[in-house]
């Protein structure tokens, strides 16, 4: 992301935020359902078959004086894995600021693709948290 941040520091920040989000969602073990994470974080997931990408995050205007509600608009996908990844990525987009804060990086001066890179890495941390699989992966010869 930035030359002065080591890959170990970056990975540690991602791991921390990923586990933090899973904890906030009350998820303590696999399997991980990103739709459940979104619900727990009070992010609505709605189908939008008209959009180009798999998913995008919006804030829908609240009705009758209610605040705007965070929403992930999700294109219908035949493969469950793609839906799970798309929602994980959008959650990662929404909590990327936590990684920047842990690393003391101002996201406004980070490289142009930094937020996307963080969101992708967080999606992986949400779907496959290293802390949970560190012992299991070598025990099964990394055949997860």
C-alpha atoms as a PDB file:
ATOM      1  CA  UNK A   1       0.000   0.000   0.000  1.00  0.00           C
ATOM      2  CA  UNK A   2       2.689   2.469   1.049  1.00  0.00           C
ATOM      3  CA  UNK A   3       6.425   1.759   0.939  1.00  0.00           C
ATOM      4  CA  UNK A   4       6.920   2.561   4.633  1.00  0.00           C
ATOM      5  CA  UNK A   5       4.361  -0.058   5.722  1.00  0.00           C
ATOM      6  CA  UNK A   6       5.688  -3.595   5.852  1.00  0.00           C
ATOM      7  CA  UNK A   7       3.647  -6.498   4.550  1.00  0.00           C
ATOM      8  CA  UNK A   8       3.581  -7.858   8.116  1.00  0.00           C
ATOM      9  CA  UNK A   9       2.081  -4.610   9.457  1.00  0.00           C
ATOM     10  CA  UNK A  10      -0.463  -4.551   6.657  1.00  0.00           C
ATOM     11  CA  UNK A  11      -1.442  -8.195   7.235  1.00  0.00           C
ATOM     12  CA  UNK A  12      -1.730  -7.636  10.994  1.00  0.00           C
ATOM     13  CA  UNK A  13      -4.027  -4.630  10.492  1.00  0.00           C
ATOM     14  CA  UNK A  14      -6.194  -6.597   8.058  1.00  0.00           C
ATOM     15  CA  UNK A  15      -6.367  -9.577  10.423  1.00  0.00           C
ATOM     16  CA  UNK A  16      -7.284  -7.313  13.327  1.00  0.00           C
ATOM     17  CA  UNK A  17     -10.076  -5.517  11.484  1.00  0.00           C
ATOM     18  CA  UNK A  18     -11.403  -8.754   9.990  1.00  0.00           C
ATOM     19  CA  UNK A  19     -11.639 -10.395  13.410  1.00  0.00           C
ATOM     20  CA  UNK A  20     -13.109  -7.205  14.865  1.00  0.00           C
ATOM     21  CA  UNK A  21     -15.918  -7.216  12.277  1.00  0.00           C
ATOM     22  CA  UNK A  22     -16.609 -10.916  12.807  1.00  0.00           C
ATOM     23  CA  UNK A  23     -16.746 -10.271  16.559  1.00  0.00           C
ATOM     24  CA  UNK A  24     -19.168  -7.382  16.100  1.00  0.00           C
ATOM     25  CA  UNK A  25     -21.333  -9.687  14.012  1.00  0.00           C
ATOM     26  CA  UNK A  26     -21.235 -12.349  16.735  1.00  0.00           C
ATOM     27  CA  UNK A  27     -19.583 -14.897  14.456  1.00  0.00           C
ATOM     28  CA  UNK A  28     -17.164 -17.069  16.400  1.00  0.00           C
ATOM     29  CA  UNK A  29     -16.566 -19.997  14.078  1.00  0.00           C
ATOM     30  CA  UNK A  30     -17.127 -21.153  10.510  1.00  0.00           C
ATOM     31  CA  UNK A  31     -19.152 -21.337   8.392  1.00  0.00           C
ATOM     32  CA  UNK A  32     -19.208 -17.659   7.603  1.00  0.00           C
ATOM     33  CA  UNK A  33     -22.214 -16.103   5.922  1.00  0.00           C
ATOM     34  CA  UNK A  34     -21.520 -12.558   4.785  1.00  0.00           C
ATOM     35  CA  UNK A  35     -25.244 -11.856   4.518  1.00  0.00           C
ATOM     36  CA  UNK A  36     -25.455 -12.591   8.260  1.00  0.00           C
ATOM     37  CA  UNK A  37     -22.505 -10.255   8.877  1.00  0.00           C
ATOM     38  CA  UNK A  38     -24.283  -7.508   6.932  1.00  0.00           C
ATOM     39  CA  UNK A  39     -27.486  -8.041   8.956  1.00  0.00           C
ATOM     40  CA  UNK A  40     -25.562  -7.951  12.229  1.00  0.00           C
ATOM     41  CA  UNK A  41     -23.885  -4.688  11.167  1.00  0.00           C
ATOM     42  CA  UNK A  42     -27.318  -3.269  10.234  1.00  0.00           C
ATOM     43  CA  UNK A  43     -26.471  -3.169   6.533  1.00  0.00           C
ATOM     44  CA  UNK A  44     -29.419  -4.087   4.349  1.00  0.00           C
ATOM     45  CA  UNK A  45     -28.765  -6.290   1.319  1.00  0.00           C
ATOM     46  CA  UNK A  46     -31.119  -5.803  -1.609  1.00  0.00           C
ATOM     47  CA  UNK A  47     -31.230  -7.394  -5.057  1.00  0.00           C
ATOM     48  CA  UNK A  48     -30.603  -5.137  -8.051  1.00  0.00           C
ATOM     49  CA  UNK A  49     -30.573  -7.004 -11.341  1.00  0.00           C
ATOM     50  CA  UNK A  50     -29.976  -3.797 -13.328  1.00  0.00           C
ATOM     51  CA  UNK A  51     -26.479  -2.980 -12.105  1.00  0.00           C
ATOM     52  CA  UNK A  52     -23.306  -3.792 -13.994  1.00  0.00           C
ATOM     53  CA  UNK A  53     -21.101  -4.906 -11.116  1.00  0.00           C
ATOM     54  CA  UNK A  54     -21.766  -7.713  -8.676  1.00  0.00           C
ATOM     55  CA  UNK A  55     -22.473  -5.356  -5.793  1.00  0.00           C
ATOM     56  CA  UNK A  56     -22.187  -1.783  -4.621  1.00  0.00           C
ATOM     57  CA  UNK A  57     -22.686   0.051  -1.369  1.00  0.00           C
ATOM     58  CA  UNK A  58     -25.183   2.895  -1.166  1.00  0.00           C
ATOM     59  CA  UNK A  59     -27.001   4.818   1.517  1.00  0.00           C
ATOM     60  CA  UNK A  60     -30.705   4.757   0.744  1.00  0.00           C
ATOM     61  CA  UNK A  61     -32.654   7.765   1.886  1.00  0.00           C
ATOM     62  CA  UNK A  62     -34.731   7.024   4.952  1.00  0.00           C
ATOM     63  CA  UNK A  63     -38.471   7.528   4.910  1.00  0.00           C
ATOM     64  CA  UNK A  64     -40.410   9.746   7.291  1.00  0.00           C
ATOM     65  CA  UNK A  65     -37.412  11.442   8.808  1.00  0.00           C
ATOM     66  CA  UNK A  66     -35.367   8.277   9.283  1.00  0.00           C
ATOM     67  CA  UNK A  67     -31.640   8.386   8.664  1.00  0.00           C
ATOM     68  CA  UNK A  68     -30.169   7.018   5.460  1.00  0.00           C
ATOM     69  CA  UNK A  69     -29.687   3.268   5.724  1.00  0.00           C
ATOM     70  CA  UNK A  70     -26.499   1.576   4.588  1.00  0.00           C
ATOM     71  CA  UNK A  71     -27.375  -0.889   1.837  1.00  0.00           C
ATOM     72  CA  UNK A  72     -25.504  -3.297  -0.384  1.00  0.00           C
ATOM     73  CA  UNK A  73     -27.164  -3.643  -3.774  1.00  0.00           C
ATOM     74  CA  UNK A  74     -26.406  -7.133  -5.022  1.00  0.00           C
ATOM     75  CA  UNK A  75     -26.793  -8.400  -8.562  1.00  0.00           C
ATOM     76  CA  UNK A  76     -28.339 -11.881  -8.639  1.00  0.00           C
ATOM     77  CA  UNK A  77     -25.582 -14.431  -9.198  1.00  0.00           C
ATOM     78  CA  UNK A  78     -26.051 -18.135  -9.820  1.00  0.00           C
ATOM     79  CA  UNK A  79     -22.965 -19.025  -7.740  1.00  0.00           C
ATOM     80  CA  UNK A  80     -23.246 -18.618  -3.977  1.00  0.00           C
ATOM     81  CA  UNK A  81     -19.479 -18.048  -3.726  1.00  0.00           C
ATOM     82  CA  UNK A  82     -19.707 -14.953  -5.904  1.00  0.00           C
ATOM     83  CA  UNK A  83     -22.538 -13.526  -3.807  1.00  0.00           C
ATOM     84  CA  UNK A  84     -20.600 -14.176  -0.615  1.00  0.00           C
ATOM     85  CA  UNK A  85     -17.455 -12.558  -2.055  1.00  0.00           C
ATOM     86  CA  UNK A  86     -19.368  -9.542  -3.377  1.00  0.00           C
ATOM     87  CA  UNK A  87     -20.979  -8.856  -0.002  1.00  0.00           C
ATOM     88  CA  UNK A  88     -17.673  -9.436   1.822  1.00  0.00           C
ATOM     89  CA  UNK A  89     -15.965  -6.965  -0.514  1.00  0.00           C
ATOM     90  CA  UNK A  90     -18.608  -4.284   0.081  1.00  0.00           C
ATOM     91  CA  UNK A  91     -18.369  -4.787   3.842  1.00  0.00           C
ATOM     92  CA  UNK A  92     -14.600  -4.445   3.394  1.00  0.00           C
ATOM     93  CA  UNK A  93     -15.146  -1.152   1.578  1.00  0.00           C
ATOM     94  CA  UNK A  94     -17.164   0.127   4.525  1.00  0.00           C
ATOM     95  CA  UNK A  95     -14.631  -0.802   7.188  1.00  0.00           C
ATOM     96  CA  UNK A  96     -11.466  -0.044   5.175  1.00  0.00           C
ATOM     97  CA  UNK A  97     -11.121   3.203   7.126  1.00  0.00           C
ATOM     98  CA  UNK A  98     -10.298   1.096  10.206  1.00  0.00           C
ATOM     99  CA  UNK A  99      -7.268  -0.416   8.462  1.00  0.00           C
ATOM    100  CA  UNK A 100      -6.083   3.023   7.387  1.00  0.00           C
ATOM    101  CA  UNK A 101      -6.501   4.277  10.972  1.00  0.00           C
ATOM    102  CA  UNK A 102      -4.547   1.348  12.445  1.00  0.00           C
ATOM    103  CA  UNK A 103      -1.733   2.029  10.002  1.00  0.00           C
ATOM    104  CA  UNK A 104      -1.904   5.810  10.575  1.00  0.00           C
ATOM    105  CA  UNK A 105      -2.492   6.360   6.867  1.00  0.00           C
ATOM    106  CA  UNK A 106      -4.629   9.196   5.591  1.00  0.00           C
ATOM    107  CA  UNK A 107      -6.777   7.508   2.911  1.00  0.00           C
ATOM    108  CA  UNK A 108      -6.878  10.776   0.985  1.00  0.00           C
ATOM    109  CA  UNK A 109      -3.138  10.544   0.301  1.00  0.00           C
ATOM    110  CA  UNK A 110      -2.953   6.764  -0.149  1.00  0.00           C
ATOM    111  CA  UNK A 111      -2.456   5.428  -3.674  1.00  0.00           C
ATOM    112  CA  UNK A 112      -5.558   5.515  -5.869  1.00  0.00           C
ATOM    113  CA  UNK A 113      -6.181   1.763  -5.642  1.00  0.00           C
ATOM    114  CA  UNK A 114      -5.480   1.452  -1.900  1.00  0.00           C
ATOM    115  CA  UNK A 115      -9.118   1.353  -0.765  1.00  0.00           C
ATOM    116  CA  UNK A 116      -9.941  -1.331  -3.338  1.00  0.00           C
ATOM    117  CA  UNK A 117      -6.884  -3.339  -2.318  1.00  0.00           C
ATOM    118  CA  UNK A 118      -7.864  -3.097   1.353  1.00  0.00           C
ATOM    119  CA  UNK A 119     -11.483  -4.080   0.590  1.00  0.00           C
ATOM    120  CA  UNK A 120     -10.349  -7.160  -1.351  1.00  0.00           C
ATOM    121  CA  UNK A 121      -7.943  -8.192   1.383  1.00  0.00           C
ATOM    122  CA  UNK A 122     -10.606  -7.676   4.059  1.00  0.00           C
ATOM    123  CA  UNK A 123     -13.075  -9.770   2.070  1.00  0.00           C
ATOM    124  CA  UNK A 124     -10.582 -12.611   2.218  1.00  0.00           C
ATOM    125  CA  UNK A 125     -10.065 -12.079   5.950  1.00  0.00           C
ATOM    126  CA  UNK A 126     -13.816 -12.165   6.550  1.00  0.00           C
ATOM    127  CA  UNK A 127     -14.398 -15.319   4.530  1.00  0.00           C
ATOM    128  CA  UNK A 128     -11.284 -17.167   5.665  1.00  0.00           C
ATOM    129  CA  UNK A 129      -9.934 -15.713   8.929  1.00  0.00           C
ATOM    130  CA  UNK A 130      -6.332 -16.780   9.348  1.00  0.00           C
ATOM    131  CA  UNK A 131      -6.641 -17.135  13.136  1.00  0.00           C
ATOM    132  CA  UNK A 132      -9.275 -19.843  12.682  1.00  0.00           C
ATOM    133  CA  UNK A 133      -7.522 -21.770   9.945  1.00  0.00           C
ATOM    134  CA  UNK A 134      -3.859 -21.417  10.965  1.00  0.00           C
ATOM    135  CA  UNK A 135      -3.732 -24.837  12.641  1.00  0.00           C
ATOM    136  CA  UNK A 136      -6.190 -26.618  10.355  1.00  0.00           C
ATOM    137  CA  UNK A 137      -4.597 -25.651   7.051  1.00  0.00           C
ATOM    138  CA  UNK A 138      -1.215 -27.394   7.534  1.00  0.00           C
ATOM    139  CA  UNK A 139      -2.917 -30.362   9.202  1.00  0.00           C
ATOM    140  CA  UNK A 140      -4.861 -31.051   5.992  1.00  0.00           C
ATOM    141  CA  UNK A 141      -1.934 -30.186   3.669  1.00  0.00           C
ATOM    142  CA  UNK A 142      -3.627 -26.876   2.794  1.00  0.00           C
ATOM    143  CA  UNK A 143      -6.492 -28.746   1.112  1.00  0.00           C
ATOM    144  CA  UNK A 144      -9.324 -26.654   2.531  1.00  0.00           C
END
